[in-house]
Amino acid sequence: MVHINLLKKLMCGILLLVVLTICLWRETRKGYYIPFKTESKSFQIPRALGKGDVLTTHLLSSKAVNEKGQLSAALPVKLNKVKGIISSTPPGNNAVAKSKKSLLSVNVWNEDNSSKNLIPRLQKVKNNYLAMNKYNVTYKGQRNTAKLSPEKLLCQLRDRVNVTMIHGSDGPFNTSEWQMYLPRKNLSQEVGHFRQCAVVSSAGSLKFSHLGPEIDSHDAVLRFNGAPTIGFQNDVGEKTTVRLVNSQLVTVEEQKFLTDTLYNTGILIVWDPAPYHAEIHEWYRKPDYSFFVNYKAYRTRHPEQPFYILNPKMQWQLWDILQENSLEDIQPNPPSSGMLGIVIMMTLCDEVNVYEFLPSKRQTDICHYYQRYHDRACTMGAYHPLLFEKNLVKHINQGQNELIYTHGKVTLPGFRNMHC
C-alpha cells in the first residue's frame, strides 16, 4: 500500500511538472516574432509538405506558423497546381477552382510589408538611421501611392539605374597612376553574353538546401563578400563568376582580403557607400572606407584578375526607385550588396535566378550559411532598406511562389530582353 501511495504521488508530481512546462511554453511563444507575413489573411499552403489529409480553408490560420515564422512542416496537404498557385479545393469543383479567391498561394514574402511588421528593436534602429541621415539624403522625387505594374517597375530599373564601373576618364581616376590599376575592358566586354545567371545570397537558409547542383548549372554565378564554397558545395555550389565585395571587407585587416585565396577566383567588384548623389570627386576625397590602397595592392598581386570599382552613382539611383515605390520613408542608407548584385546581373544576363534573397521554408535568424551569428536584421534589414528591397523583388518576380517557398528562388528578366 505504501508503494502504491508513493507511486500515486510520483505520478501527480510528473503530471504537475508537465502542466507547468506546457504553460511556460505557451507564454514563451507569445514573445516570438513572425518575421514575414503571409500573402493573404487566409494563410497559404506549402507545396508537398507531407502525406495525409486535405486541409480545409477554415483550418488555414496563423496557427500553422511556428514560433520562428516558419511554416510547420507537420501540416500535410493535398495539392493542385494551377499556374504556380496551390489550391485546397477538390478537383471536381470547377466553379470554385476558377475563382482566384478560393486559391491559396504558397507562404512567401509579402510584398506589402512595412516597418510596422518589424520587432520594436528594428523599428527603433530604422528610426535612428532616419534621424542620423549620414549620407545627407534629400529625396525630392515623387512617391507612387498606386503600385506600378511589374513591367513598369522593371523599366524604371533598366532606364534609371546606370550600372557602370569606374574607368580612367572619371575625374580623379584619370591619372597615369590609376591607369596601371583599372581594368582596360569594361565589365560587359570582359564577361560577354550570359543566358542564365544565378545570384546566391549568403543567407543561413541555404544550409541543407541541396541547391548546389542547380546553382552550378547556370552560365554565371555571383556571390557576395566572403561567402565560401569549399565545404558547402552541396548547398551553394562551387562555381564563382563574379564576386561583389563591400569596401569594409577590402579594408579591414581581419578579413584577410589581400591573402585569402577565396577572392582569387572570378571577377571582383568592390563598392563603397557615397554621399547622396555626390559627384565622384567628392566621394573620392572621403570614401566611407578608404579602400583604394588595398585595391591597388590586390591589383599588384593579381594583375590578370579583373577587379572593378562600382560607380557610386548607381547605388543612389537604385535607392531613389526603392523610395519612390515605398509608402513610407526608408532607411537613408545605400541598398544592400544583395540588391546591387541583382541589378548588376540583370544588365549582364538574359535571365537571373536569385537564391534565398527572399526567404524560403528554411528561413532562419542565422545570418550566413557559413557562420553561427544570429540576428533578425539579416532578414528584415537594419542599416540597409532590406525590407523594401525584398518588397520590390517580390513584386517583379517572374517565377512561381512555390519556388520561393521550396528553393528561395526568384526569377527576374535581363534588361536587354525587355521592351519598354
Protein backbone atom coordinates (compact mmCIF):
# COMPACT_ATOMS: atom_id res chain seq x y z
CA MET A 1 0.00 0.00 0.00
CA VAL A 2 2.86 2.37 0.83
CA HIS A 3 4.40 1.70 -2.56
CA ILE A 4 1.08 2.45 -4.30
CA ASN A 5 0.75 5.79 -2.45
CA LEU A 6 4.30 6.75 -3.36
CA LEU A 7 3.63 5.84 -6.98
CA LYS A 8 0.47 7.99 -7.00
CA LYS A 9 2.38 10.94 -5.54
CA LEU A 10 5.13 10.48 -8.11
CA MET A 11 2.63 10.39 -10.97
CA CYS A 12 0.89 13.53 -9.64
CA GLY A 13 4.25 15.29 -9.44
CA ILE A 14 5.13 14.36 -13.00
CA LEU A 15 1.71 15.48 -14.24
CA LEU A 16 2.08 18.83 -12.45
CA LEU A 17 5.54 19.29 -13.97
CA VAL A 18 4.17 18.59 -17.48
CA VAL A 19 1.32 21.09 -16.99
CA LEU A 20 3.73 23.78 -15.80
CA THR A 21 6.06 23.10 -18.73
CA ILE A 22 3.19 23.47 -21.23
CA CYS A 23 2.03 26.72 -19.62
CA LEU A 24 5.55 28.13 -19.69
CA TRP A 25 5.97 27.11 -23.32
CA ARG A 26 2.71 28.86 -24.27
CA GLU A 27 3.78 32.04 -22.52
CA THR A 28 7.16 31.91 -24.21
CA ARG A 29 5.54 31.59 -27.63
CA LYS A 30 3.76 34.90 -27.14
CA GLY A 31 7.06 36.70 -27.18
CA TYR A 32 8.20 35.34 -30.54
CA TYR A 33 8.14 37.45 -33.67
CA ILE A 34 6.88 36.30 -37.05
CA PRO A 35 9.48 37.64 -39.50
CA PHE A 36 7.26 37.87 -42.55
CA LYS A 37 3.55 38.00 -43.18
CA THR A 38 1.61 35.65 -45.40
CA GLU A 39 0.27 36.71 -48.77
CA SER A 40 -3.34 36.53 -47.64
CA LYS A 41 -5.25 36.54 -44.39
CA SER A 42 -6.44 33.01 -45.08
CA PHE A 43 -2.86 31.69 -44.90
CA GLN A 44 -1.03 29.87 -47.63
CA ILE A 45 -0.23 26.23 -48.06
CA PRO A 46 3.28 24.93 -48.72
CA ARG A 47 3.89 22.51 -51.53
CA ALA A 48 4.36 18.84 -50.72
CA LEU A 49 4.95 19.18 -47.02
CA GLY A 50 3.98 15.64 -46.31
CA LYS A 51 1.42 12.91 -46.77
CA GLY A 52 -2.00 12.97 -45.26
CA ASP A 53 -5.42 14.53 -45.33
CA VAL A 54 -6.67 17.55 -47.21
CA LEU A 55 -6.71 20.75 -45.13
CA THR A 56 -9.81 22.90 -45.50
CA THR A 57 -9.68 26.67 -45.73
CA HIS A 58 -11.06 27.37 -42.27
CA LEU A 59 -8.16 25.47 -40.73
CA LEU A 60 -5.55 27.55 -42.52
CA SER A 61 -4.90 30.17 -39.88
CA SER A 62 -1.77 31.74 -38.48
CA LYS A 63 -1.57 28.83 -36.07
CA ALA A 64 0.13 26.96 -38.87
CA VAL A 65 3.15 29.20 -38.47
CA ASN A 66 5.60 28.19 -35.81
CA GLU A 67 7.26 30.50 -33.35
CA LYS A 68 10.09 31.49 -35.71
CA GLY A 69 7.79 32.50 -38.53
CA GLN A 70 8.40 29.32 -40.49
CA LEU A 71 5.69 27.07 -41.84
CA SER A 72 5.07 23.99 -39.79
CA ALA A 73 6.34 21.02 -41.74
CA ALA A 74 3.88 18.85 -39.85
CA LEU A 75 0.93 20.17 -41.86
CA PRO A 76 0.07 17.65 -44.57
CA VAL A 77 -1.80 18.83 -47.63
CA LYS A 78 -3.10 17.53 -50.93
CA LEU A 79 -2.15 19.95 -53.68
CA ASN A 80 -3.45 21.03 -57.04
CA LYS A 81 -1.04 23.13 -59.10
CA VAL A 82 -2.72 25.93 -61.04
CA LYS A 83 -0.24 28.38 -62.63
CA GLY A 84 2.06 28.17 -59.65
CA ILE A 85 -0.76 28.61 -57.11
CA ILE A 86 -1.65 25.94 -54.62
CA SER A 87 -5.28 25.07 -54.02
CA SER A 88 -7.03 23.01 -51.37
CA THR A 89 -10.20 22.92 -53.49
CA PRO A 90 -11.31 19.44 -54.62
CA PRO A 91 -10.50 18.93 -58.33
CA GLY A 92 -14.14 18.35 -59.26
CA ASN A 93 -15.34 21.73 -58.08
CA ASN A 94 -14.62 23.70 -61.26
CA ALA A 95 -16.60 26.79 -60.29
CA VAL A 96 -14.62 27.22 -57.10
CA ALA A 97 -11.33 26.28 -58.73
CA LYS A 98 -11.72 29.10 -61.25
CA SER A 99 -12.12 31.69 -58.55
CA LYS A 100 -8.82 33.26 -57.56
CA LYS A 101 -10.21 33.96 -54.13
CA SER A 102 -10.51 30.26 -53.48
CA LEU A 103 -6.86 29.60 -54.31
CA LEU A 104 -4.27 29.70 -51.56
CA SER A 105 -0.74 30.50 -52.67
CA VAL A 106 2.48 29.38 -51.09
CA ASN A 107 3.56 31.14 -47.92
CA VAL A 108 6.15 33.61 -49.13
CA TRP A 109 7.35 37.14 -48.51
CA ASN A 110 4.51 39.67 -48.58
CA GLU A 111 5.41 42.48 -50.99
CA ASP A 112 3.34 44.92 -48.92
CA ASN A 113 5.49 44.51 -45.83
CA SER A 114 6.09 47.69 -43.84
CA SER A 115 8.20 48.70 -40.88
CA LYS A 116 5.15 48.04 -38.69
CA ASN A 117 5.98 44.36 -39.13
CA LEU A 118 9.42 44.83 -37.57
CA ILE A 119 10.16 43.95 -33.99
CA PRO A 120 10.49 47.03 -31.74
CA ARG A 121 14.29 46.88 -31.74
CA LEU A 122 14.49 47.07 -35.53
CA GLN A 123 11.84 49.78 -35.68
CA LYS A 124 13.99 51.85 -33.33
CA VAL A 125 17.11 51.17 -35.41
CA LYS A 126 15.32 52.28 -38.59
CA ASN A 127 14.13 55.49 -36.91
CA ASN A 128 17.65 56.19 -35.64
CA TYR A 129 19.06 55.91 -39.16
CA LEU A 130 16.34 58.24 -40.44
CA ALA A 131 17.30 60.80 -37.81
CA MET A 132 21.03 60.34 -38.39
CA ASN A 133 20.89 60.68 -42.20
CA LYS A 134 24.63 60.09 -42.52
CA TYR A 135 24.68 60.42 -46.31
CA ASN A 136 22.71 63.70 -46.43
CA VAL A 137 19.78 62.24 -48.32
CA THR A 138 17.40 64.91 -49.56
CA TYR A 139 14.90 62.98 -51.63
CA LYS A 140 12.59 65.28 -53.59
CA GLY A 141 11.18 62.82 -56.06
CA GLN A 142 7.63 61.59 -56.36
CA ARG A 143 6.00 58.91 -54.23
CA ASN A 144 3.85 56.37 -56.03
CA THR A 145 0.75 55.83 -53.93
CA ALA A 146 -0.57 53.39 -56.52
CA LYS A 147 1.63 50.34 -57.09
CA LEU A 148 3.27 50.22 -60.51
CA SER A 149 2.94 47.11 -62.62
CA PRO A 150 5.95 44.76 -62.53
CA GLU A 151 6.66 45.70 -66.16
CA LYS A 152 6.80 49.44 -65.43
CA LEU A 153 8.94 48.88 -62.36
CA LEU A 154 11.38 46.76 -64.36
CA CYS A 155 11.57 49.52 -66.96
CA GLN A 156 12.37 52.03 -64.22
CA LEU A 157 15.27 49.85 -63.10
CA ARG A 158 16.56 49.45 -66.64
CA ASP A 159 16.28 53.10 -67.67
CA ARG A 160 17.19 54.92 -64.48
CA VAL A 161 19.91 52.79 -62.87
CA ASN A 162 23.16 53.22 -64.74
CA VAL A 163 25.29 50.18 -63.91
CA THR A 164 28.82 51.30 -64.71
CA MET A 165 32.26 50.77 -63.29
CA ILE A 166 34.90 53.41 -62.59
CA HIS A 167 37.13 53.92 -65.61
CA GLY A 168 40.14 56.01 -66.47
CA SER A 169 38.19 59.04 -67.69
CA ASP A 170 36.37 59.51 -64.37
CA GLY A 171 37.80 62.63 -62.75
CA PRO A 172 40.34 61.73 -60.08
CA PHE A 173 40.97 58.35 -61.72
CA ASN A 174 42.29 59.86 -64.95
CA THR A 175 45.91 59.88 -63.77
CA SER A 176 48.76 57.80 -65.10
CA GLU A 177 48.99 56.00 -61.76
CA TRP A 178 45.38 54.83 -61.86
CA GLN A 179 45.69 53.71 -65.47
CA MET A 180 48.00 50.96 -64.20
CA TYR A 181 45.30 49.50 -61.96
CA LEU A 182 41.88 49.95 -63.56
CA PRO A 183 40.83 47.14 -65.94
CA ARG A 184 41.22 48.04 -69.60
CA LYS A 185 37.97 46.34 -70.67
CA ASN A 186 34.60 47.35 -69.29
CA LEU A 187 32.60 44.70 -67.44
CA SER A 188 30.30 43.72 -70.30
CA GLN A 189 33.29 43.31 -72.62
CA GLU A 190 35.03 41.15 -70.04
CA VAL A 191 32.16 38.76 -69.33
CA GLY A 192 30.42 38.69 -72.70
CA HIS A 193 26.84 37.46 -73.01
CA PHE A 194 25.27 35.21 -70.39
CA ARG A 195 21.98 33.44 -70.92
CA GLN A 196 21.04 32.29 -67.43
CA CYS A 197 22.69 33.51 -64.24
CA ALA A 198 22.43 32.81 -60.52
CA VAL A 199 22.74 35.31 -57.69
CA VAL A 200 23.46 33.41 -54.48
CA SER A 201 22.81 35.20 -51.22
CA SER A 202 24.77 34.32 -48.10
CA ALA A 203 21.64 33.61 -46.06
CA GLY A 204 21.66 30.95 -43.35
CA SER A 205 18.63 29.38 -45.02
CA LEU A 206 20.92 28.00 -47.75
CA LYS A 207 22.12 25.36 -45.27
CA PHE A 208 20.67 21.94 -46.08
CA SER A 209 19.08 23.36 -49.25
CA HIS A 210 20.88 20.92 -51.60
CA LEU A 211 20.75 23.64 -54.26
CA GLY A 212 24.42 23.34 -55.24
CA PRO A 213 23.97 21.36 -58.50
CA GLU A 214 21.15 23.67 -59.65
CA ILE A 215 23.20 26.79 -58.90
CA ASP A 216 26.23 25.43 -60.74
CA SER A 217 24.10 24.67 -63.82
CA HIS A 218 23.88 28.41 -64.57
CA ASP A 219 26.15 30.10 -67.10
CA ALA A 220 27.40 32.53 -64.45
CA VAL A 221 27.16 32.76 -60.66
CA LEU A 222 27.50 35.87 -58.49
CA ARG A 223 28.45 35.60 -54.81
CA PHE A 224 28.95 38.15 -52.07
CA ASN A 225 31.78 39.23 -49.79
CA GLY A 226 33.50 36.34 -48.01
CA ALA A 227 30.91 33.64 -48.73
CA PRO A 228 32.87 30.38 -49.20
CA THR A 229 32.05 27.42 -51.39
CA ILE A 230 34.53 24.82 -50.09
CA GLY A 231 32.71 22.62 -47.61
CA PHE A 232 29.31 23.92 -48.74
CA GLN A 233 29.23 22.77 -52.36
CA ASN A 234 26.12 20.63 -51.90
CA ASP A 235 24.11 23.63 -50.77
CA VAL A 236 25.62 26.61 -52.60
CA GLY A 237 27.60 25.10 -55.49
CA GLU A 238 31.21 25.84 -56.33
CA LYS A 239 31.12 27.99 -59.46
CA THR A 240 32.00 31.68 -58.95
CA THR A 241 31.96 34.02 -61.94
CA VAL A 242 31.58 37.35 -60.15
CA ARG A 243 32.12 38.27 -56.50
CA LEU A 244 30.75 41.57 -55.20
CA VAL A 245 32.52 42.79 -52.07
CA ASN A 246 31.98 45.87 -49.94
CA SER A 247 34.75 48.33 -49.12
CA GLN A 248 34.73 47.40 -45.45
CA LEU A 249 35.76 43.84 -46.26
CA VAL A 250 38.55 45.09 -48.53
CA THR A 251 39.82 47.46 -45.83
CA VAL A 252 39.51 45.61 -42.53
CA GLU A 253 42.64 43.57 -41.84
CA GLU A 254 40.77 40.74 -40.12
CA GLN A 255 39.05 39.87 -43.39
CA LYS A 256 42.43 38.96 -44.96
CA PHE A 257 41.31 40.22 -48.35
CA LEU A 258 44.84 40.50 -49.68
CA THR A 259 45.90 36.98 -48.69
CA ASP A 260 42.82 34.74 -48.66
CA THR A 261 42.66 32.65 -51.84
CA LEU A 262 38.86 32.76 -51.66
CA TYR A 263 38.95 36.03 -53.60
CA ASN A 264 41.27 34.82 -56.35
CA THR A 265 38.50 33.21 -58.41
CA GLY A 266 36.32 35.04 -60.91
CA ILE A 267 35.75 38.74 -61.44
CA LEU A 268 35.85 41.06 -58.42
CA ILE A 269 33.70 44.16 -57.97
CA VAL A 270 34.04 46.44 -54.94
CA TRP A 271 31.52 49.08 -53.90
CA ASP A 272 31.65 51.83 -51.28
CA PRO A 273 28.82 53.99 -49.87
CA ALA A 274 28.92 57.59 -51.09
CA PRO A 275 27.06 60.75 -50.07
CA TYR A 276 23.64 61.06 -51.68
CA HIS A 277 24.10 61.69 -55.43
CA ALA A 278 27.61 63.00 -54.80
CA GLU A 279 29.97 63.60 -57.67
CA ILE A 280 32.86 61.14 -57.97
CA HIS A 281 35.37 63.79 -56.87
CA GLU A 282 33.54 64.33 -53.58
CA TRP A 283 33.31 60.60 -52.86
CA TYR A 284 36.95 60.02 -53.84
CA ARG A 285 38.18 62.59 -51.31
CA LYS A 286 36.25 60.95 -48.48
CA PRO A 287 35.09 57.37 -49.12
CA ASP A 288 33.15 55.54 -46.43
CA TYR A 289 36.07 53.11 -46.13
CA SER A 290 39.40 54.13 -47.62
CA PHE A 291 39.86 51.02 -49.72
CA PHE A 292 41.93 52.47 -52.56
CA VAL A 293 45.30 51.42 -51.09
CA ASN A 294 44.23 47.80 -50.70
CA TYR A 295 42.62 47.85 -54.14
CA LYS A 296 45.95 48.83 -55.68
CA ALA A 297 47.81 46.27 -53.55
CA TYR A 298 45.48 43.49 -54.69
CA ARG A 299 45.80 44.52 -58.34
CA THR A 300 49.59 44.45 -57.99
CA ARG A 301 49.44 40.90 -56.62
CA HIS A 302 46.84 39.68 -59.13
CA PRO A 303 47.23 41.82 -62.26
CA GLU A 304 45.47 39.30 -64.52
CA GLN A 305 42.30 39.08 -62.42
CA PRO A 306 39.64 41.63 -63.43
CA PHE A 307 38.81 43.85 -60.44
CA TYR A 308 36.29 46.66 -60.87
CA ILE A 309 35.14 49.57 -58.74
CA LEU A 310 31.39 50.14 -58.93
CA ASN A 311 30.46 53.71 -59.83
CA PRO A 312 28.88 55.06 -56.62
CA LYS A 313 26.16 56.91 -58.52
CA MET A 314 24.40 53.61 -59.15
CA GLN A 315 23.55 52.97 -55.52
CA TRP A 316 21.54 56.16 -55.11
CA GLN A 317 19.80 55.82 -58.48
CA LEU A 318 18.58 52.46 -57.22
CA TRP A 319 17.72 53.88 -53.79
CA ASP A 320 15.53 56.56 -55.39
CA ILE A 321 13.43 53.87 -57.08
CA LEU A 322 13.07 52.00 -53.80
CA GLN A 323 11.91 55.16 -52.05
CA GLU A 324 9.63 56.25 -54.86
CA ASN A 325 7.80 52.92 -54.71
CA SER A 326 7.56 52.68 -50.91
CA LEU A 327 4.71 54.24 -48.97
CA GLU A 328 6.94 55.18 -46.05
CA ASP A 329 10.37 56.68 -45.54
CA ILE A 330 13.02 54.01 -45.97
CA GLN A 331 16.47 53.99 -44.38
CA PRO A 332 18.55 56.81 -45.94
CA ASN A 333 21.43 54.39 -46.48
CA PRO A 334 22.61 52.67 -49.68
CA PRO A 335 20.92 49.47 -50.84
CA SER A 336 22.40 46.16 -49.75
CA SER A 337 25.08 44.27 -51.64
CA GLY A 338 22.36 41.75 -52.47
CA MET A 339 20.19 44.30 -54.24
CA LEU A 340 23.18 45.84 -56.03
CA GLY A 341 24.30 42.41 -57.21
CA ILE A 342 20.86 41.53 -58.53
CA VAL A 343 20.71 44.65 -60.69
CA ILE A 344 24.29 44.19 -61.89
CA MET A 345 23.49 40.68 -63.13
CA MET A 346 20.26 41.87 -64.77
CA THR A 347 22.48 44.00 -67.03
CA LEU A 348 24.67 41.03 -67.99
CA CYS A 349 22.23 38.13 -68.32
CA ASP A 350 19.05 37.18 -70.19
CA GLU A 351 17.57 35.67 -67.02
CA VAL A 352 18.59 35.92 -63.38
CA ASN A 353 17.66 33.40 -60.69
CA VAL A 354 18.15 34.76 -57.17
CA TYR A 355 18.50 32.27 -54.31
CA GLU A 356 17.42 32.98 -50.72
CA PHE A 357 17.19 36.76 -51.05
CA LEU A 358 13.53 36.16 -50.29
CA PRO A 359 13.40 33.57 -47.50
CA SER A 360 12.23 30.03 -48.20
CA LYS A 361 10.71 27.44 -45.87
CA ARG A 362 14.19 27.18 -44.34
CA GLN A 363 14.05 30.81 -43.15
CA THR A 364 16.15 31.31 -40.05
CA ASP A 365 17.68 34.03 -37.89
CA ILE A 366 21.15 32.68 -38.74
CA CYS A 367 22.70 35.43 -40.86
CA HIS A 368 25.11 33.44 -43.04
CA TYR A 369 25.23 29.78 -44.00
CA TYR A 370 28.91 29.66 -43.06
CA GLN A 371 28.61 31.27 -39.60
CA ARG A 372 26.63 30.85 -36.39
CA TYR A 373 25.74 34.50 -35.91
CA HIS A 374 22.02 35.14 -35.27
CA ASP A 375 20.22 38.43 -35.97
CA ARG A 376 16.74 39.07 -37.33
CA ALA A 377 18.10 42.20 -39.01
CA CYS A 378 19.80 39.98 -41.58
CA THR A 379 16.37 39.09 -42.94
CA MET A 380 14.41 42.28 -42.26
CA GLY A 381 17.14 44.90 -42.54
CA ALA A 382 18.65 47.47 -40.19
CA TYR A 383 21.32 49.61 -41.87
CA HIS A 384 20.14 48.76 -45.40
CA PRO A 385 16.50 49.24 -46.53
CA LEU A 386 16.38 45.49 -46.96
CA LEU A 387 12.69 45.06 -46.20
CA PHE A 388 11.79 47.44 -49.03
CA GLU A 389 14.27 45.84 -51.41
CA LYS A 390 12.58 42.50 -50.85
CA ASN A 391 9.16 44.04 -51.42
CA LEU A 392 10.35 45.27 -54.81
CA VAL A 393 12.00 41.98 -55.78
CA LYS A 394 8.88 40.03 -54.82
CA HIS A 395 6.73 42.37 -56.94
CA ILE A 396 8.83 41.93 -60.09
CA ASN A 397 9.35 38.18 -59.64
CA GLN A 398 8.52 36.28 -62.83
CA GLY A 399 8.62 32.85 -61.22
CA GLN A 400 6.21 30.85 -59.11
CA ASN A 401 5.51 31.49 -55.45
CA GLU A 402 6.02 27.84 -54.66
CA LEU A 403 9.63 28.09 -55.90
CA ILE A 404 10.24 30.89 -53.43
CA TYR A 405 8.90 28.63 -50.71
CA THR A 406 10.83 25.50 -51.65
CA HIS A 407 14.03 26.96 -53.15
CA GLY A 408 14.06 30.59 -52.05
CA LYS A 409 14.17 31.19 -55.81
CA VAL A 410 13.15 34.37 -57.59
CA THR A 411 13.35 34.66 -61.39
CA LEU A 412 13.96 38.07 -62.98
CA PRO A 413 14.37 39.06 -66.64
CA GLY A 414 17.55 40.56 -68.01
CA PHE A 415 17.33 44.17 -69.14
CA ARG A 416 18.46 43.51 -72.70
CA ASN A 417 15.32 41.48 -73.49
CA MET A 418 12.84 43.96 -72.06
CA HIS A 419 10.59 46.11 -74.23
CA CYS A 420 9.69 49.35 -72.51
